C-alpha atoms as a PDB file:
ATOM      1  CA  MET A   1     -10.025 -25.558   1.814  1.00  0.00           C
ATOM      2  CA  ARG A   2      -7.958 -23.924   4.253  1.00  0.00           C
ATOM      3  CA  GLY A   3      -4.841 -24.192   2.375  1.00  0.00           C
ATOM      4  CA  ARG A   4      -1.208 -25.357   3.751  1.00  0.00           C
ATOM      5  CA  VAL A   5       1.149 -23.317   5.405  1.00  0.00           C
ATOM      6  CA  TRP A   6       4.803 -22.884   3.454  1.00  0.00           C
ATOM      7  CA  GLY A   7       7.935 -24.271   5.545  1.00  0.00           C
ATOM      8  CA  THR A   8      11.224 -24.680   5.455  1.00  0.00           C
ATOM      9  CA  ASP A   9      10.189 -28.434   4.733  1.00  0.00           C
ATOM     10  CA  SER A  10       8.201 -27.508   1.497  1.00  0.00           C
ATOM     11  CA  PRO A  11      10.032 -28.235  -1.624  1.00  0.00           C
ATOM     12  CA  MET A  12       9.282 -24.916  -2.926  1.00  0.00           C
ATOM     13  CA  ILE A  13      11.078 -23.263  -0.187  1.00  0.00           C
ATOM     14  CA  ARG A  14      14.902 -22.085  -0.983  1.00  0.00           C
ATOM     15  CA  ASN A  15      16.802 -20.770   1.606  1.00  0.00           C
ATOM     16  CA  PRO A  16      18.414 -18.458   2.409  1.00  0.00           C
ATOM     17  CA  PRO A  17      16.248 -16.283   1.133  1.00  0.00           C
ATOM     18  CA  VAL A  18      17.869 -13.654  -2.034  1.00  0.00           C
ATOM     19  CA  PRO A  19      18.810 -10.421  -0.070  1.00  0.00           C
ATOM     20  CA  VAL A  20      17.658  -7.210  -1.570  1.00  0.00           C
ATOM     21  CA  SER A  21      21.318  -5.819  -1.815  1.00  0.00           C
ATOM     22  CA  GLN A  22      22.266  -8.287  -4.543  1.00  0.00           C
ATOM     23  CA  GLY A  23      20.525  -5.209  -6.849  1.00  0.00           C
ATOM     24  CA  VAL A  24      18.501  -5.782  -9.740  1.00  0.00           C
ATOM     25  CA  ARG A  25      19.000  -8.596 -11.861  1.00  0.00           C
ATOM     26  CA  GLU A  26      18.539  -8.436 -15.422  1.00  0.00           C
ATOM     27  CA  ASP A  27      16.947 -12.397 -15.623  1.00  0.00           C
ATOM     28  CA  VAL A  28      13.878 -11.043 -13.246  1.00  0.00           C
ATOM     29  CA  VAL A  29      11.373  -9.517 -15.023  1.00  0.00           C
ATOM     30  CA  VAL A  30       8.630  -6.853 -13.187  1.00  0.00           C
ATOM     31  CA  ARG A  31       5.792  -5.650 -14.904  1.00  0.00           C
ATOM     32  CA  GLN A  32       3.049  -3.410 -13.722  1.00  0.00           C
ATOM     33  CA  LEU A  33      -0.284  -4.273 -15.915  1.00  0.00           C
ATOM     34  CA  ASN A  34      -2.745  -2.020 -15.202  1.00  0.00           C
ATOM     35  CA  GLU A  35      -3.920   2.032 -15.892  1.00  0.00           C
ATOM     36  CA  GLY A  36      -5.338   4.198 -12.464  1.00  0.00           C
ATOM     37  CA  ALA A  37      -4.178   3.414  -9.125  1.00  0.00           C
ATOM     38  CA  CYS A  38      -4.565  -0.244  -8.146  1.00  0.00           C
ATOM     39  CA  ARG A  39      -1.118  -1.678  -9.065  1.00  0.00           C
ATOM     40  CA  THR A  40      -1.109  -5.537 -10.600  1.00  0.00           C
ATOM     41  CA  TYR A  41       2.444  -6.878 -11.199  1.00  0.00           C
ATOM     42  CA  LEU A  42       3.729  -9.827 -13.417  1.00  0.00           C
ATOM     43  CA  VAL A  43       6.908 -11.268 -11.786  1.00  0.00           C
ATOM     44  CA  GLY A  44       8.796 -13.288 -13.750  1.00  0.00           C
ATOM     45  CA  SER A  45      11.610 -15.535 -14.822  1.00  0.00           C
ATOM     46  CA  ALA A  46      13.127 -14.279 -18.117  1.00  0.00           C
ATOM     47  CA  ALA A  47      14.701 -17.594 -18.733  1.00  0.00           C
ATOM     48  CA  THR A  48      12.235 -19.934 -17.916  1.00  0.00           C
ATOM     49  CA  ARG A  49       9.095 -17.842 -18.809  1.00  0.00           C
ATOM     50  CA  ASP A  50       7.302 -18.890 -15.362  1.00  0.00           C
ATOM     51  CA  ALA A  51       5.725 -15.744 -13.583  1.00  0.00           C
ATOM     52  CA  ALA A  52       3.191 -14.738 -10.836  1.00  0.00           C
ATOM     53  CA  LEU A  53       0.612 -12.250 -10.901  1.00  0.00           C
ATOM     54  CA  VAL A  54       0.447 -10.012  -7.483  1.00  0.00           C
ATOM     55  CA  ASP A  55      -3.144  -8.224  -6.463  1.00  0.00           C
ATOM     56  CA  PRO A  56      -4.904  -8.796  -9.837  1.00  0.00           C
ATOM     57  CA  VAL A  57      -7.938  -7.092 -10.245  1.00  0.00           C
ATOM     58  CA  LEU A  58     -11.035  -9.515 -10.925  1.00  0.00           C
ATOM     59  CA  ALA A  59     -12.596  -7.519 -13.842  1.00  0.00           C
ATOM     60  CA  SER A  60      -8.756  -7.138 -15.966  1.00  0.00           C
ATOM     61  CA  VAL A  61      -8.349 -11.105 -15.556  1.00  0.00           C
ATOM     62  CA  GLU A  62      -8.781 -11.811 -19.169  1.00  0.00           C
ATOM     63  CA  ARG A  63      -6.661  -9.067 -20.387  1.00  0.00           C
ATOM     64  CA  TYR A  64      -4.039 -10.627 -17.822  1.00  0.00           C
ATOM     65  CA  LEU A  65      -4.484 -13.657 -19.607  1.00  0.00           C
ATOM     66  CA  GLN A  66      -3.945 -12.479 -23.078  1.00  0.00           C
ATOM     67  CA  THR A  67      -0.656 -10.728 -21.670  1.00  0.00           C
ATOM     68  CA  LEU A  68       0.735 -13.932 -20.584  1.00  0.00           C
ATOM     69  CA  SER A  69      -0.067 -15.691 -23.721  1.00  0.00           C
ATOM     70  CA  GLU A  70       1.363 -12.741 -25.580  1.00  0.00           C
ATOM     71  CA  GLY A  71       4.178 -13.362 -23.211  1.00  0.00           C
ATOM     72  CA  GLN A  72       4.653 -17.075 -23.475  1.00  0.00           C
ATOM     73  CA  TRP A  73       4.360 -16.726 -19.533  1.00  0.00           C
ATOM     74  CA  GLN A  74       3.317 -19.743 -17.809  1.00  0.00           C
ATOM     75  CA  LEU A  75       1.690 -18.658 -14.306  1.00  0.00           C
ATOM     76  CA  ARG A  76       2.506 -20.137 -11.433  1.00  0.00           C
ATOM     77  CA  TRP A  77       1.685 -18.293  -8.705  1.00  0.00           C
ATOM     78  CA  VAL A  78      -1.669 -15.527  -7.878  1.00  0.00           C
ATOM     79  CA  ILE A  79      -0.317 -13.825  -5.185  1.00  0.00           C
ATOM     80  CA  ASP A  80      -2.992 -11.148  -3.374  1.00  0.00           C
ATOM     81  CA  THR A  81      -0.774  -8.986  -0.551  1.00  0.00           C
ATOM     82  CA  HIS A  82      -3.795  -8.690   1.468  1.00  0.00           C
ATOM     83  CA  THR A  83      -7.653  -8.877   1.605  1.00  0.00           C
ATOM     84  CA  HIS A  84      -8.545  -5.881  -0.094  1.00  0.00           C
ATOM     85  CA  ALA A  85     -11.402  -3.495   0.514  1.00  0.00           C
ATOM     86  CA  ASP A  86     -11.260  -1.347  -2.725  1.00  0.00           C
ATOM     87  CA  HIS A  87     -11.611  -3.631  -5.338  1.00  0.00           C
ATOM     88  CA  LEU A  88     -12.567  -7.778  -6.123  1.00  0.00           C
ATOM     89  CA  SER A  89      -9.366 -10.169  -6.724  1.00  0.00           C
ATOM     90  CA  GLY A  90      -9.010 -11.908  -9.369  1.00  0.00           C
ATOM     91  CA  CYS A  91      -7.059 -14.581  -7.818  1.00  0.00           C
ATOM     92  CA  ARG A  92      -9.272 -17.189  -7.351  1.00  0.00           C
ATOM     93  CA  LEU A  93     -11.014 -16.726 -10.724  1.00  0.00           C
ATOM     94  CA  LEU A  94      -7.024 -16.947 -12.127  1.00  0.00           C
ATOM     95  CA  ALA A  95      -5.832 -19.912 -10.226  1.00  0.00           C
ATOM     96  CA  GLU A  96      -8.834 -21.635 -11.748  1.00  0.00           C
ATOM     97  CA  ARG A  97      -8.300 -20.552 -15.277  1.00  0.00           C
ATOM     98  CA  THR A  98      -4.671 -21.682 -15.212  1.00  0.00           C
ATOM     99  CA  GLY A  99      -4.200 -23.945 -12.640  1.00  0.00           C
ATOM    100  CA  ALA A 100      -1.641 -21.761 -10.952  1.00  0.00           C
ATOM    101  CA  GLU A 101      -1.654 -21.697  -7.228  1.00  0.00           C
ATOM    102  CA  CYS A 102      -3.246 -18.839  -4.757  1.00  0.00           C
ATOM    103  CA  ALA A 103      -0.816 -17.702  -2.236  1.00  0.00           C
ATOM    104  CA  MET A 104      -2.126 -15.003   0.811  1.00  0.00           C
ATOM    105  CA  HIS A 105      -0.743 -14.631   3.897  1.00  0.00           C
ATOM    106  CA  ARG A 106      -1.527 -17.181   6.932  1.00  0.00           C
ATOM    107  CA  LYS A 107      -4.405 -14.992   8.345  1.00  0.00           C
ATOM    108  CA  ALA A 108      -6.238 -14.497   5.235  1.00  0.00           C
ATOM    109  CA  GLY A 109      -9.898 -15.271   5.473  1.00  0.00           C
ATOM    110  CA  ALA A 110      -9.961 -16.547   1.502  1.00  0.00           C
ATOM    111  CA  ARG A 111     -10.972 -20.199   1.555  1.00  0.00           C
ATOM    112  CA  HIS A 112      -9.804 -20.595  -1.778  1.00  0.00           C
ATOM    113  CA  VAL A 113      -6.304 -20.043  -0.947  1.00  0.00           C
ATOM    114  CA  SER A 114      -3.980 -22.839  -1.402  1.00  0.00           C
ATOM    115  CA  ALA A 115      -0.632 -21.576  -0.247  1.00  0.00           C
ATOM    116  CA  ARG A 116      -0.452 -19.776   3.261  1.00  0.00           C
ATOM    117  CA  LEU A 117       2.638 -17.782   3.753  1.00  0.00           C
ATOM    118  CA  THR A 118       4.373 -17.049   6.917  1.00  0.00           C
ATOM    119  CA  ASP A 119       7.646 -14.493   7.332  1.00  0.00           C
ATOM    120  CA  GLY A 120      10.353 -15.606   5.547  1.00  0.00           C
ATOM    121  CA  SER A 121       8.195 -18.085   3.260  1.00  0.00           C
ATOM    122  CA  THR A 122       9.703 -18.263  -0.108  1.00  0.00           C
ATOM    123  CA  LEU A 123       8.212 -19.483  -3.272  1.00  0.00           C
ATOM    124  CA  ASP A 124      10.251 -20.401  -6.422  1.00  0.00           C
ATOM    125  CA  ILE A 125       9.308 -18.606  -9.770  1.00  0.00           C
ATOM    126  CA  GLY A 126      11.322 -20.970 -12.588  1.00  0.00           C
ATOM    127  CA  GLY A 127      14.200 -20.458  -9.973  1.00  0.00           C
ATOM    128  CA  LEU A 128      14.005 -16.870  -9.046  1.00  0.00           C
ATOM    129  CA  VAL A 129      12.890 -16.664  -5.406  1.00  0.00           C
ATOM    130  CA  LEU A 130      10.240 -14.512  -3.959  1.00  0.00           C
ATOM    131  CA  GLU A 131      10.400 -13.759  -0.581  1.00  0.00           C
ATOM    132  CA  ALA A 132       7.367 -12.945   1.632  1.00  0.00           C
ATOM    133  CA  ILE A 133       7.665 -10.300   4.784  1.00  0.00           C
ATOM    134  CA  GLU A 134       4.555 -10.185   7.211  1.00  0.00           C
ATOM    135  CA  THR A 135       4.049  -6.297   7.148  1.00  0.00           C
ATOM    136  CA  PRO A 136       0.334  -5.826   9.219  1.00  0.00           C
ATOM    137  CA  GLY A 137      -0.964  -2.533   9.838  1.00  0.00           C
ATOM    138  CA  HIS A 138      -3.140  -1.780   6.846  1.00  0.00           C
ATOM    139  CA  THR A 139      -4.506  -5.057   7.671  1.00  0.00           C
ATOM    140  CA  LYS A 140      -3.523  -8.074   9.713  1.00  0.00           C
ATOM    141  CA  ASP A 141      -3.016 -10.047   6.574  1.00  0.00           C
ATOM    142  CA  SER A 142      -0.616  -7.554   4.770  1.00  0.00           C
ATOM    143  CA  LEU A 143       2.171  -9.174   3.199  1.00  0.00           C
ATOM    144  CA  THR A 144       5.062  -7.214   1.278  1.00  0.00           C
ATOM    145  CA  LEU A 145       6.986  -9.810  -1.635  1.00  0.00           C
ATOM    146  CA  LYS A 146      10.770  -9.303  -2.103  1.00  0.00           C
ATOM    147  CA  VAL A 147      12.493 -10.123  -5.010  1.00  0.00           C
ATOM    148  CA  PRO A 148      16.179  -8.714  -5.849  1.00  0.00           C
ATOM    149  CA  GLY A 149      16.530  -5.450  -5.295  1.00  0.00           C
ATOM    150  CA  ARG A 150      12.712  -4.491  -5.297  1.00  0.00           C
ATOM    151  CA  VAL A 151       9.999  -4.757  -2.861  1.00  0.00           C
ATOM    152  CA  LEU A 152       6.710  -5.365  -3.784  1.00  0.00           C
ATOM    153  CA  THR A 153       4.423  -3.621  -0.742  1.00  0.00           C
ATOM    154  CA  GLY A 154       1.016  -3.983  -1.343  1.00  0.00           C
ATOM    155  CA  ASP A 155      -0.802  -1.265   0.838  1.00  0.00           C
ATOM    156  CA  TRP A 156       1.986  -1.230   3.405  1.00  0.00           C
ATOM    157  CA  LEU A 157       3.838   1.195   2.147  1.00  0.00           C
ATOM    158  CA  PHE A 158       3.563   4.193  -1.021  1.00  0.00           C
ATOM    159  CA  VAL A 159       5.087   6.686  -2.713  1.00  0.00           C
ATOM    160  CA  GLY A 160       5.034   9.338  -0.440  1.00  0.00           C
ATOM    161  CA  GLY A 161       2.540   7.483   2.064  1.00  0.00           C
ATOM    162  CA  ALA A 162       0.500   4.470   3.122  1.00  0.00           C
ATOM    163  CA  GLY A 163      -2.458   2.450   3.400  1.00  0.00           C
ATOM    164  CA  ARG A 164      -5.002   3.429   5.835  1.00  0.00           C
ATOM    165  CA  THR A 165      -5.171   1.850   8.897  1.00  0.00           C
ATOM    166  CA  ASP A 166      -8.736   2.340   9.875  1.00  0.00           C
ATOM    167  CA  LEU A 167     -10.707  -0.279   8.027  1.00  0.00           C
ATOM    168  CA  PRO A 168     -11.398  -3.478   9.110  1.00  0.00           C
ATOM    169  CA  GLY A 169      -8.165  -5.477   9.972  1.00  0.00           C
ATOM    170  CA  GLY A 170      -6.094  -2.234  10.592  1.00  0.00           C
ATOM    171  CA  ASP A 171      -4.160  -1.192  13.184  1.00  0.00           C
ATOM    172  CA  PRO A 172      -1.716   1.740  13.283  1.00  0.00           C
ATOM    173  CA  GLY A 173       0.630   0.399  16.122  1.00  0.00           C
ATOM    174  CA  GLU A 174       0.927  -2.440  14.437  1.00  0.00           C
ATOM    175  CA  HIS A 175       1.816  -0.672  11.031  1.00  0.00           C
ATOM    176  CA  TRP A 176       4.464   1.386  13.177  1.00  0.00           C
ATOM    177  CA  ASP A 177       6.100  -2.133  14.444  1.00  0.00           C
ATOM    178  CA  SER A 178       6.092  -3.246  10.891  1.00  0.00           C
ATOM    179  CA  LEU A 179       7.899  -0.331   9.834  1.00  0.00           C
ATOM    180  CA  ALA A 180      10.670  -0.306  12.716  1.00  0.00           C
ATOM    181  CA  ARG A 181      11.302  -3.669  12.116  1.00  0.00           C
ATOM    182  CA  ILE A 182      11.435  -4.230   8.029  1.00  0.00           C
ATOM    183  CA  VAL A 183      12.729  -0.667   6.788  1.00  0.00           C
ATOM    184  CA  PRO A 184      16.056  -0.637   8.484  1.00  0.00           C
ATOM    185  CA  SER A 185      16.686  -4.179   6.879  1.00  0.00           C
ATOM    186  CA  LEU A 186      16.553  -2.860   3.545  1.00  0.00           C
ATOM    187  CA  ASP A 187      19.211  -0.929   1.460  1.00  0.00           C
ATOM    188  CA  ASP A 188      18.654   2.800   0.219  1.00  0.00           C
ATOM    189  CA  SER A 189      18.588   1.753  -2.954  1.00  0.00           C
ATOM    190  CA  THR A 190      15.718  -0.950  -2.786  1.00  0.00           C
ATOM    191  CA  VAL A 191      13.505  -0.331  -5.438  1.00  0.00           C
ATOM    192  CA  VAL A 192       9.626   0.290  -3.770  1.00  0.00           C
ATOM    193  CA  LEU A 193       6.509  -0.605  -5.922  1.00  0.00           C
ATOM    194  CA  PRO A 194       3.421   0.043  -4.205  1.00  0.00           C
ATOM    195  CA  GLY A 195      -0.124  -1.776  -4.522  1.00  0.00           C
ATOM    196  CA  HIS A 196      -1.548   1.912  -5.324  1.00  0.00           C
ATOM    197  CA  ASP A 197      -0.648   5.310  -6.380  1.00  0.00           C
ATOM    198  CA  TYR A 198      -2.842   8.438  -6.960  1.00  0.00           C
ATOM    199  CA  SER A 199      -0.500  10.750  -8.788  1.00  0.00           C
ATOM    200  CA  GLY A 200       0.685   8.519 -11.398  1.00  0.00           C
ATOM    201  CA  ARG A 201       4.215   7.557 -10.106  1.00  0.00           C
ATOM    202  CA  THR A 202       4.990   4.231 -10.970  1.00  0.00           C
ATOM    203  CA  ASP A 203       8.179   3.372  -7.929  1.00  0.00           C
ATOM    204  CA  SER A 204      10.319   5.151  -5.953  1.00  0.00           C
ATOM    205  CA  VAL A 205      13.681   4.050  -4.139  1.00  0.00           C
ATOM    206  CA  LEU A 206      13.735   3.612  -0.696  1.00  0.00           C
ATOM    207  CA  GLY A 207      16.407   6.071   0.341  1.00  0.00           C
ATOM    208  CA  GLU A 208      13.770   8.714  -1.009  1.00  0.00           C
ATOM    209  CA  GLU A 209      11.094   7.727   0.821  1.00  0.00           C
ATOM    210  CA  ARG A 210      13.003   7.731   4.317  1.00  0.00           C
ATOM    211  CA  ARG A 211      13.720  11.193   3.501  1.00  0.00           C
ATOM    212  CA  THR A 212      10.423  12.459   2.153  1.00  0.00           C
ATOM    213  CA  ASN A 213       7.566   9.833   3.337  1.00  0.00           C
ATOM    214  CA  ALA A 214       5.946  11.389   6.646  1.00  0.00           C
ATOM    215  CA  HIS A 215       5.177   7.837   7.764  1.00  0.00           C
ATOM    216  CA  LEU A 216       8.820   7.154   7.599  1.00  0.00           C
ATOM    217  CA  ARG A 217       9.635  10.639   9.845  1.00  0.00           C
ATOM    218  CA  GLU A 218      10.974   9.691  13.213  1.00  0.00           C
ATOM    219  CA  ARG A 219       8.634   9.566  15.922  1.00  0.00           C
ATOM    220  CA  SER A 220       7.322   7.625  18.669  1.00  0.00           C
ATOM    221  CA  ARG A 221       4.891   5.005  18.422  1.00  0.00           C
ATOM    222  CA  ASP A 222       2.608   6.607  20.424  1.00  0.00           C
ATOM    223  CA  GLU A 223       3.110   9.755  18.211  1.00  0.00           C
ATOM    224  CA  TYR A 224       2.325   7.528  15.368  1.00  0.00           C
ATOM    225  CA  VAL A 225      -0.533   6.144  16.589  1.00  0.00           C
ATOM    226  CA  ALA A 226      -2.087   9.688  17.619  1.00  0.00           C
ATOM    227  CA  TRP A 227      -1.163  10.758  14.424  1.00  0.00           C
ATOM    228  CA  LEU A 228      -3.274   8.054  12.489  1.00  0.00           C
ATOM    229  CA  SER A 229      -6.062   8.294  14.755  1.00  0.00           C
ATOM    230  CA  ALA A 230      -6.637  11.425  13.964  1.00  0.00           C
ATOM    231  CA  THR A 231      -7.775  10.942  10.629  1.00  0.00           C
ATOM    232  CA  ALA A 232      -9.213   7.832  11.319  1.00  0.00           C
ATOM    233  CA  GLU A 233     -13.283   7.505   9.494  1.00  0.00           C
ATOM    234  CA  PRO A 234     -15.861   4.716   9.494  1.00  0.00           C
ATOM    235  CA  THR A 235     -15.296   2.026   6.698  1.00  0.00           C
ATOM    236  CA  PRO A 236     -18.125   2.427   3.856  1.00  0.00           C
ATOM    237  CA  ALA A 237     -20.449  -0.033   3.672  1.00  0.00           C
ATOM    238  CA  TRP A 238     -19.473  -1.062  -0.003  1.00  0.00           C
ATOM    239  CA  MET A 239     -15.751  -1.895   1.330  1.00  0.00           C
ATOM    240  CA  ILE A 240     -17.473  -4.491   4.054  1.00  0.00           C
ATOM    241  CA  GLU A 241     -19.366  -5.882   0.892  1.00  0.00           C
ATOM    242  CA  THR A 242     -16.213  -6.351  -0.619  1.00  0.00           C
ATOM    243  CA  LEU A 243     -14.416  -7.794   1.765  1.00  0.00           C
ATOM    244  CA  ARG A 244     -16.760 -10.301   1.832  1.00  0.00           C
ATOM    245  CA  ALA A 245     -16.373 -11.125  -1.709  1.00  0.00           C
ATOM    246  CA  ASN A 246     -13.036 -11.232  -1.975  1.00  0.00           C
ATOM    247  CA  ASN A 247     -12.966 -13.983   1.036  1.00  0.00           C
ATOM    248  CA  ALA A 248     -15.722 -15.676  -0.934  1.00  0.00           C
ATOM    249  CA  GLY A 249     -13.361 -15.781  -3.827  1.00  0.00           C
ATOM    250  CA  ALA A 250     -15.878 -13.935  -6.377  1.00  0.00           C
ATOM    251  CA  LEU A 251     -15.531 -15.488  -9.844  1.00  0.00           C
ATOM    252  CA  ASP A 252     -17.739 -12.751 -12.021  1.00  0.00           C
ATOM    253  CA  PRO A 253     -15.435 -10.269 -13.700  1.00  0.00           C
ATOM    254  CA  THR A 254     -18.632  -7.818 -14.431  1.00  0.00           C
ATOM    255  CA  LEU A 255     -19.266  -7.509 -10.522  1.00  0.00           C
ATOM    256  CA  ARG A 256     -19.271  -4.250  -9.152  1.00  0.00           C
ATOM    257  CA  ILE A 257     -19.356  -2.974  -5.939  1.00  0.00           C
ATOM    258  CA  ALA A 258     -17.114  -0.028  -5.658  1.00  0.00           C
ATOM    259  CA  PRO A 259     -18.280   3.325  -6.494  1.00  0.00           C
ATOM    260  CA  THR A 260     -16.633   5.409  -9.090  1.00  0.00           C
ATOM    261  CA  GLU A 261     -14.034   7.278  -6.633  1.00  0.00           C
ATOM    262  CA  GLY A 262     -13.796   3.611  -4.885  1.00  0.00           C
ATOM    263  CA  ALA A 263      -9.799   2.772  -5.562  1.00  0.00           C
ATOM    264  CA  SER A 264      -8.839   6.310  -3.843  1.00  0.00           C
ATOM    265  CA  VAL A 265      -9.706   5.421  -0.464  1.00  0.00           C
ATOM    266  CA  CYS A 266      -7.184   3.228   0.917  1.00  0.00           C
ATOM    267  CA  ALA A 267      -4.380   5.926   1.058  1.00  0.00           C
ATOM    268  CA  VAL A 268      -4.210   7.770   3.948  1.00  0.00           C
ATOM    269  CA  GLY A 269      -4.058  11.182   2.911  1.00  0.00           C
ATOM    270  CA  PRO A 270      -6.212  13.740   0.718  1.00  0.00           C
ATOM    271  CA  VAL A 271      -8.866  12.089  -1.079  1.00  0.00           C
ATOM    272  CA  PRO A 272     -10.641  13.332  -4.055  1.00  0.00           C
ATOM    273  CA  ARG A 273     -13.608  15.351  -1.754  1.00  0.00           C
ATOM    274  CA  VAL A 274     -10.870  17.266  -0.404  1.00  0.00           C
ATOM    275  CA  PRO A 275      -9.915  19.982  -2.502  1.00  0.00           C
ATOM    276  CA  GLN A 276      -6.595  20.358  -3.786  1.00  0.00           C
ATOM    277  CA  VAL A 277      -4.555  24.097  -3.349  1.00  0.00           C
ATOM    278  CA  SER A 278      -1.328  24.936  -5.286  1.00  0.00           C
ATOM    279  CA  VAL A 279       1.396  27.153  -3.102  1.00  0.00           C
ATOM    280  CA  ASP A 280       0.856  29.405  -5.711  1.00  0.00           C
ATOM    281  CA  GLU A 281      -2.801  30.209  -5.063  1.00  0.00           C
ATOM    282  CA  VAL A 282      -2.130  30.064  -1.386  1.00  0.00           C
ATOM    283  CA  LYS A 283      -0.066  32.687  -1.800  1.00  0.00           C
ATOM    284  CA  ARG A 284      -2.637  34.459  -3.987  1.00  0.00           C
ATOM    285  CA  ARG A 285      -5.442  34.316  -1.378  1.00  0.00           C
ATOM    286  CA  LEU A 286      -3.163  35.294   1.071  1.00  0.00           C
ATOM    287  CA  ASP A 287      -2.210  38.077  -0.276  1.00  0.00           C
ATOM    288  CA  SER A 288      -5.496  39.477  -1.217  1.00  0.00           C
ATOM    289  CA  LEU A 289      -6.595  39.326   2.122  1.00  0.00           C
ATOM    290  CA  GLY A 290      -5.833  41.867   5.053  1.00  0.00           C
ATOM    291  CA  PRO A 291      -3.375  40.458   7.632  1.00  0.00           C
ATOM    292  CA  ALA A 292      -6.103  40.977  10.624  1.00  0.00           C
ATOM    293  CA  ALA A 293      -8.188  38.257   8.278  1.00  0.00           C
ATOM    294  CA  GLN A 294      -5.398  35.898   7.652  1.00  0.00           C
ATOM    295  CA  LEU A 295      -4.967  32.405   9.663  1.00  0.00           C
ATOM    296  CA  LEU A 296      -2.801  29.877   8.500  1.00  0.00           C
ATOM    297  CA  LEU A 297      -2.848  26.636  10.224  1.00  0.00           C
ATOM    298  CA  ASP A 298      -0.077  23.771   9.843  1.00  0.00           C
ATOM    299  CA  VAL A 299      -0.925  20.653  11.253  1.00  0.00           C
ATOM    300  CA  ARG A 300       2.358  18.806  10.684  1.00  0.00           C
ATOM    301  CA  GLN A 301       4.395  17.611  13.569  1.00  0.00           C
ATOM    302  CA  PRO A 302       6.999  19.969  15.000  1.00  0.00           C
ATOM    303  CA  GLU A 303       9.711  18.276  13.374  1.00  0.00           C
ATOM    304  CA  GLU A 304       8.132  18.759  10.395  1.00  0.00           C
ATOM    305  CA  TYR A 305       7.290  22.243  10.972  1.00  0.00           C
ATOM    306  CA  ALA A 306      10.658  23.116  11.662  1.00  0.00           C
ATOM    307  CA  GLY A 307      12.579  20.290   9.246  1.00  0.00           C
ATOM    308  CA  GLU A 308      14.013  21.141   5.531  1.00  0.00           C
ATOM    309  CA  LEU A 309      10.870  21.616   3.471  1.00  0.00           C
ATOM    310  CA  GLY A 310      10.049  24.598   5.745  1.00  0.00           C
ATOM    311  CA  HIS A 311       6.567  26.425   6.305  1.00  0.00           C
ATOM    312  CA  VAL A 312       5.063  29.384   5.145  1.00  0.00           C
ATOM    313  CA  PRO A 313       5.723  32.565   7.245  1.00  0.00           C
ATOM    314  CA  GLY A 314       3.270  33.138   9.191  1.00  0.00           C
ATOM    315  CA  ALA A 315       1.560  29.814   9.576  1.00  0.00           C
ATOM    316  CA  PHE A 316       0.612  28.779  13.107  1.00  0.00           C
ATOM    317  CA  LEU A 317       1.617  25.312  14.113  1.00  0.00           C
ATOM    318  CA  VAL A 318      -1.295  22.877  15.689  1.00  0.00           C
ATOM    319  CA  PRO A 319      -0.368  19.105  15.039  1.00  0.00           C
ATOM    320  CA  LEU A 320      -3.465  17.769  13.871  1.00  0.00           C
ATOM    321  CA  PRO A 321      -4.030  15.520  17.116  1.00  0.00           C
ATOM    322  CA  GLU A 322      -4.348  18.676  18.903  1.00  0.00           C
ATOM    323  CA  LEU A 323      -6.357  20.549  16.552  1.00  0.00           C
ATOM    324  CA  ARG A 324      -9.837  19.859  18.528  1.00  0.00           C
ATOM    325  CA  ALA A 325      -8.468  21.027  22.240  1.00  0.00           C
ATOM    326  CA  ARG A 326      -6.828  24.024  20.395  1.00  0.00           C
ATOM    327  CA  LEU A 327      -9.400  25.278  18.238  1.00  0.00           C
ATOM    328  CA  ARG A 328     -10.533  28.296  20.122  1.00  0.00           C
ATOM    329  CA  SER A 329      -6.659  29.381  20.744  1.00  0.00           C
ATOM    330  CA  CYS A 330      -6.622  29.171  17.118  1.00  0.00           C
ATOM    331  CA  ALA A 331      -9.268  31.582  15.560  1.00  0.00           C
ATOM    332  CA  ALA A 332      -8.529  34.687  14.006  1.00  0.00           C
ATOM    333  CA  PRO A 333     -10.174  37.641  15.722  1.00  0.00           C
ATOM    334  CA  GLY A 334     -14.196  37.486  15.120  1.00  0.00           C
ATOM    335  CA  SER A 335     -14.154  34.356  13.889  1.00  0.00           C
ATOM    336  CA  PRO A 336     -16.497  31.705  14.781  1.00  0.00           C
ATOM    337  CA  THR A 337     -14.836  28.910  16.391  1.00  0.00           C
ATOM    338  CA  SER A 338     -18.303  26.175  16.762  1.00  0.00           C
END
């Protein structure tokens, strides 16, 4: 079953959509249910106890069912913000166990989806309206979900980052387009609830992300595409297998495809195999070297190098997309460049 597309003729549609600028409402419950980097959200009406689960993980379905039972929640919707490559979705199993409907983007390949969402589609959760926003870039079928005062961004936007654009269906140009179209329409006070976080952060506000998130710094579309393309990597075979399993609607909670470190590979930026060095450690290492042996590259964009966060004195600015071409000119005397 390919499912239906929710349009304005659906009895579940309520127009106009609830604006984010109304602020967070006390009668709206939003809870994050997972430990670790993957985020699953319960969104519900405190008055009616109707609820939706967003981005559930297959291995945790029994725990979600227990949470729903203990809170006397009636599950109405199970929603995936996109087709996940890093973990198996619990969307189909939860729908089959509870009778809830499974909703995804209209371009999603999953055959078990019963409601296919377009830009501006809304879902009724006991009188609470949840609005879908098409935000392609991480994948072709990426959605952001808007509830009063909050946005559940999936892998479109993280706290301090964003999802990769080099996985199947990803496109850095489309990601720039989504950011340019959607971010200006949201208030600075909007709470950002990401689909992943690898540093233990739970949320942010959009004003802070505008100020500090490198993906939201002013740059042209071409510059943005070049920046992300410079860090593109091949997709691991296990992620391709995970995508296929999610499109087929995996039902076995004991199935394991991802390696232990798998959850971290959807983020743009450092992953576990890249060692992290503190500022104090950088200073210690530089102080231990003679000036002739020091070479510190800053691979950010020029506006970041000169911006409010500053740069390490003596650092040589080489934007990452230019690094390969300028490698020899960067080398310290006597250093190998091959």
